[in-house]
Amino acid sequence: MPNAGEHHRHGTCYPLLQLQSHHIDCVICPGIGRRAIMFFNQQDIKVFPANDDKVKQLIDSLKNQTLRELPSDHACRGHGGRMNCGANRG
């Protein structure tokens, strides 16, 4: 699925609008803001950090329940090149 919000100003990305027609229960991403995590969680969508470059390993970790959910206090704090904002915390 193309990422229509890939290039945006801080605070102007609304991922739920892009994903609303898909039936998802989780997202895996390398960086996400606190507000986006809260929006996903309000829709019962879990957020997981992409702490590996290999999609297959991430999906295997999700299936094996070894990928830990990303809490909102581990979110990115703006766009500054720290792609793995929450992945390496806690």
N, C-alpha and C. Protein backbone atom coordinates (compact mmCIF):
# COMPACT_ATOMS: atom_id res chain seq x y z
N MET A 1 0.84 -1.15 0.00
CA MET A 1 0.00 0.00 0.00
C MET A 1 0.90 1.23 0.00
N PRO A 2 0.68 2.17 -0.89
CA PRO A 2 1.50 3.38 -0.92
C PRO A 2 1.26 4.24 0.32
N ASN A 3 2.29 4.92 0.76
CA ASN A 3 2.20 5.78 1.94
C ASN A 3 1.94 7.22 1.48
N ALA A 4 0.67 7.62 1.45
CA ALA A 4 0.31 8.97 0.99
C ALA A 4 0.76 10.04 1.97
N GLY A 5 1.05 9.68 3.21
CA GLY A 5 1.47 10.65 4.21
C GLY A 5 2.95 10.63 4.50
N GLU A 6 3.72 10.04 3.61
CA GLU A 6 5.15 9.88 3.87
C GLU A 6 5.87 11.22 4.05
N HIS A 7 5.53 12.20 3.24
CA HIS A 7 6.17 13.51 3.33
C HIS A 7 5.15 14.52 3.85
N HIS A 8 5.26 14.83 5.12
CA HIS A 8 4.30 15.73 5.74
C HIS A 8 4.98 16.55 6.82
N ARG A 9 4.35 17.63 7.21
CA ARG A 9 4.84 18.41 8.34
C ARG A 9 4.49 17.70 9.63
N HIS A 10 5.29 17.92 10.65
CA HIS A 10 5.06 17.30 11.95
C HIS A 10 3.64 17.61 12.43
N GLY A 11 2.93 16.56 12.85
CA GLY A 11 1.58 16.73 13.40
C GLY A 11 0.48 16.77 12.37
N THR A 12 0.80 16.56 11.09
CA THR A 12 -0.24 16.63 10.06
C THR A 12 -0.47 15.30 9.36
N CYS A 13 0.02 14.23 9.93
CA CYS A 13 -0.16 12.90 9.35
C CYS A 13 -1.34 12.21 10.04
N TYR A 14 -2.24 11.65 9.26
CA TYR A 14 -3.41 10.97 9.83
C TYR A 14 -3.48 9.55 9.26
N PRO A 15 -2.69 8.63 9.81
CA PRO A 15 -2.61 7.29 9.23
C PRO A 15 -3.93 6.53 9.26
N LEU A 16 -4.80 6.81 10.22
CA LEU A 16 -6.07 6.09 10.27
C LEU A 16 -6.93 6.38 9.05
N LEU A 17 -6.86 7.60 8.52
CA LEU A 17 -7.63 7.92 7.31
C LEU A 17 -7.18 7.06 6.15
N GLN A 18 -5.89 6.82 6.06
CA GLN A 18 -5.35 6.02 4.96
C GLN A 18 -5.67 4.53 5.14
N LEU A 19 -5.78 4.08 6.37
CA LEU A 19 -5.95 2.66 6.64
C LEU A 19 -7.39 2.24 6.93
N GLN A 20 -8.33 3.20 6.97
CA GLN A 20 -9.67 2.90 7.43
C GLN A 20 -10.40 1.85 6.60
N SER A 21 -10.06 1.70 5.34
CA SER A 21 -10.75 0.71 4.52
C SER A 21 -10.14 -0.69 4.63
N HIS A 22 -9.05 -0.81 5.37
CA HIS A 22 -8.39 -2.10 5.55
C HIS A 22 -8.72 -2.63 6.95
N HIS A 23 -8.88 -3.91 7.05
CA HIS A 23 -9.21 -4.52 8.35
C HIS A 23 -7.90 -4.94 9.01
N ILE A 24 -7.37 -4.06 9.84
CA ILE A 24 -6.09 -4.34 10.49
C ILE A 24 -6.25 -4.33 12.00
N ASP A 25 -5.39 -5.07 12.68
CA ASP A 25 -5.41 -5.05 14.15
C ASP A 25 -4.06 -4.63 14.71
N CYS A 26 -3.07 -4.39 13.82
CA CYS A 26 -1.78 -3.91 14.30
C CYS A 26 -1.02 -3.25 13.15
N VAL A 27 -0.05 -2.42 13.52
CA VAL A 27 0.88 -1.84 12.56
C VAL A 27 2.29 -2.03 13.11
N ILE A 28 3.23 -2.17 12.21
CA ILE A 28 4.64 -2.28 12.58
C ILE A 28 5.35 -1.15 11.83
N CYS A 29 6.02 -0.27 12.55
CA CYS A 29 6.65 0.87 11.89
C CYS A 29 7.94 1.26 12.60
N PRO A 30 8.88 1.88 11.85
CA PRO A 30 10.17 2.25 12.42
C PRO A 30 10.11 3.49 13.29
N GLY A 31 9.12 4.32 13.12
CA GLY A 31 8.99 5.54 13.91
C GLY A 31 7.58 6.06 13.85
N ILE A 32 7.06 6.48 14.98
CA ILE A 32 5.67 6.95 15.04
C ILE A 32 5.53 7.88 16.24
N GLY A 33 4.71 8.88 16.09
CA GLY A 33 4.50 9.84 17.17
C GLY A 33 3.50 9.37 18.20
N ARG A 34 3.53 10.02 19.35
CA ARG A 34 2.65 9.67 20.47
C ARG A 34 1.18 9.77 20.08
N ARG A 35 0.81 10.85 19.39
CA ARG A 35 -0.59 11.03 19.02
C ARG A 35 -1.07 9.93 18.07
N ALA A 36 -0.22 9.54 17.13
CA ALA A 36 -0.59 8.48 16.19
C ALA A 36 -0.79 7.16 16.93
N ILE A 37 0.09 6.85 17.90
CA ILE A 37 -0.07 5.64 18.71
C ILE A 37 -1.39 5.68 19.44
N MET A 38 -1.71 6.82 20.03
CA MET A 38 -2.97 6.95 20.77
C MET A 38 -4.18 6.77 19.85
N PHE A 39 -4.13 7.34 18.64
CA PHE A 39 -5.23 7.17 17.68
C PHE A 39 -5.40 5.71 17.30
N PHE A 40 -4.30 5.03 17.01
CA PHE A 40 -4.38 3.60 16.68
C PHE A 40 -4.97 2.81 17.85
N ASN A 41 -4.45 3.05 19.04
CA ASN A 41 -4.92 2.31 20.21
C ASN A 41 -6.40 2.55 20.48
N GLN A 42 -6.90 3.75 20.22
CA GLN A 42 -8.33 4.04 20.40
C GLN A 42 -9.19 3.22 19.46
N GLN A 43 -8.61 2.77 18.35
CA GLN A 43 -9.33 1.94 17.39
C GLN A 43 -8.99 0.46 17.57
N ASP A 44 -8.42 0.11 18.72
CA ASP A 44 -8.01 -1.27 19.04
C ASP A 44 -6.97 -1.79 18.05
N ILE A 45 -6.10 -0.92 17.58
CA ILE A 45 -5.00 -1.29 16.70
C ILE A 45 -3.71 -1.15 17.50
N LYS A 46 -2.98 -2.25 17.63
CA LYS A 46 -1.73 -2.24 18.37
C LYS A 46 -0.60 -1.73 17.49
N VAL A 47 0.38 -1.08 18.11
CA VAL A 47 1.54 -0.54 17.39
C VAL A 47 2.79 -1.26 17.88
N PHE A 48 3.58 -1.75 16.94
CA PHE A 48 4.81 -2.45 17.25
C PHE A 48 5.98 -1.76 16.56
N PRO A 49 7.15 -1.73 17.20
CA PRO A 49 8.31 -1.10 16.57
C PRO A 49 8.95 -2.02 15.53
N ALA A 50 9.39 -1.43 14.43
CA ALA A 50 10.12 -2.18 13.42
C ALA A 50 11.59 -2.14 13.81
N ASN A 51 11.99 -3.04 14.68
CA ASN A 51 13.36 -3.05 15.19
C ASN A 51 14.26 -4.00 14.42
N ASP A 52 13.84 -4.38 13.23
CA ASP A 52 14.62 -5.27 12.37
C ASP A 52 14.37 -4.84 10.93
N ASP A 53 15.37 -4.95 10.09
CA ASP A 53 15.22 -4.55 8.70
C ASP A 53 14.53 -5.60 7.84
N LYS A 54 14.38 -6.79 8.34
CA LYS A 54 13.81 -7.88 7.56
C LYS A 54 12.33 -8.05 7.90
N VAL A 55 11.47 -7.85 6.91
CA VAL A 55 10.02 -7.95 7.12
C VAL A 55 9.64 -9.34 7.61
N LYS A 56 10.23 -10.37 7.04
CA LYS A 56 9.91 -11.74 7.45
C LYS A 56 10.20 -11.94 8.94
N GLN A 57 11.34 -11.43 9.42
CA GLN A 57 11.68 -11.59 10.84
C GLN A 57 10.70 -10.83 11.72
N LEU A 58 10.26 -9.65 11.28
CA LEU A 58 9.28 -8.89 12.05
C LEU A 58 7.95 -9.64 12.14
N ILE A 59 7.51 -10.18 11.03
CA ILE A 59 6.25 -10.92 11.02
C ILE A 59 6.37 -12.20 11.85
N ASP A 60 7.50 -12.89 11.74
CA ASP A 60 7.72 -14.08 12.58
C ASP A 60 7.70 -13.72 14.06
N SER A 61 8.33 -12.60 14.42
CA SER A 61 8.33 -12.15 15.82
C SER A 61 6.91 -11.82 16.28
N LEU A 62 6.12 -11.22 15.41
CA LEU A 62 4.74 -10.91 15.75
C LEU A 62 3.94 -12.19 15.95
N LYS A 63 4.09 -13.14 15.04
CA LYS A 63 3.39 -14.42 15.15
C LYS A 63 3.80 -15.19 16.41
N ASN A 64 5.10 -15.13 16.75
CA ASN A 64 5.62 -15.84 17.92
C ASN A 64 5.39 -15.08 19.22
N GLN A 65 4.75 -13.93 19.11
CA GLN A 65 4.44 -13.07 20.26
C GLN A 65 5.69 -12.63 21.02
N THR A 66 6.78 -12.41 20.28
CA THR A 66 8.01 -11.92 20.91
C THR A 66 8.25 -10.45 20.58
N LEU A 67 7.42 -9.87 19.73
CA LEU A 67 7.50 -8.45 19.41
C LEU A 67 6.65 -7.70 20.43
N ARG A 68 7.28 -6.78 21.16
CA ARG A 68 6.57 -6.07 22.23
C ARG A 68 5.86 -4.84 21.69
N GLU A 69 4.63 -4.64 22.17
CA GLU A 69 3.85 -3.48 21.75
C GLU A 69 4.55 -2.19 22.16
N LEU A 70 4.44 -1.17 21.33
CA LEU A 70 5.09 0.10 21.57
C LEU A 70 4.15 1.02 22.35
N PRO A 71 4.50 1.37 23.59
CA PRO A 71 3.66 2.29 24.36
C PRO A 71 3.86 3.73 23.88
N SER A 72 2.87 4.57 24.10
CA SER A 72 2.94 5.94 23.59
C SER A 72 4.09 6.75 24.19
N ASP A 73 4.55 6.39 25.39
CA ASP A 73 5.66 7.14 25.97
C ASP A 73 7.01 6.80 25.34
N HIS A 74 7.02 5.87 24.39
CA HIS A 74 8.24 5.53 23.65
C HIS A 74 8.16 6.05 22.21
N ALA A 75 7.28 6.98 21.96
CA ALA A 75 7.06 7.52 20.62
C ALA A 75 8.19 8.46 20.22
N CYS A 76 8.24 8.73 18.90
CA CYS A 76 9.16 9.74 18.38
C CYS A 76 8.70 11.11 18.85
N ARG A 77 9.63 12.03 18.90
CA ARG A 77 9.31 13.39 19.32
C ARG A 77 9.60 14.39 18.20
N GLY A 78 9.17 14.05 16.99
CA GLY A 78 9.38 14.93 15.84
C GLY A 78 10.18 14.25 14.77
N HIS A 79 10.29 14.93 13.66
CA HIS A 79 11.02 14.41 12.51
C HIS A 79 12.44 14.93 12.57
N GLY A 80 13.39 14.05 12.84
CA GLY A 80 14.77 14.49 12.94
C GLY A 80 15.76 13.43 12.56
N GLY A 81 15.33 12.41 11.83
CA GLY A 81 16.26 11.40 11.37
C GLY A 81 16.39 10.21 12.31
N ARG A 82 15.72 10.21 13.45
CA ARG A 82 15.79 9.08 14.37
C ARG A 82 14.70 8.08 14.01
N MET A 83 14.93 7.29 12.98
CA MET A 83 13.89 6.41 12.46
C MET A 83 13.46 5.34 13.45
N ASN A 84 14.32 4.86 14.29
CA ASN A 84 13.96 3.83 15.25
C ASN A 84 13.71 4.42 16.63
N CYS A 85 12.92 5.46 16.67
CA CYS A 85 12.67 6.21 17.91
C CYS A 85 12.33 5.30 19.09
N GLY A 86 11.27 4.54 18.96
CA GLY A 86 10.80 3.72 20.08
C GLY A 86 11.35 2.32 20.10
N ALA A 87 11.98 1.90 19.02
CA ALA A 87 12.40 0.51 18.92
C ALA A 87 13.46 0.12 19.92
N ASN A 88 14.32 1.05 20.31
CA ASN A 88 15.42 0.70 21.18
C ASN A 88 15.21 1.08 22.63
N ARG A 89 14.03 1.50 22.97
CA ARG A 89 13.75 1.89 24.35
C ARG A 89 13.06 0.75 25.09
N GLY A 90 13.36 0.67 26.36
CA GLY A 90 12.68 -0.25 27.29
C GLY A 90 12.49 -1.57 26.73
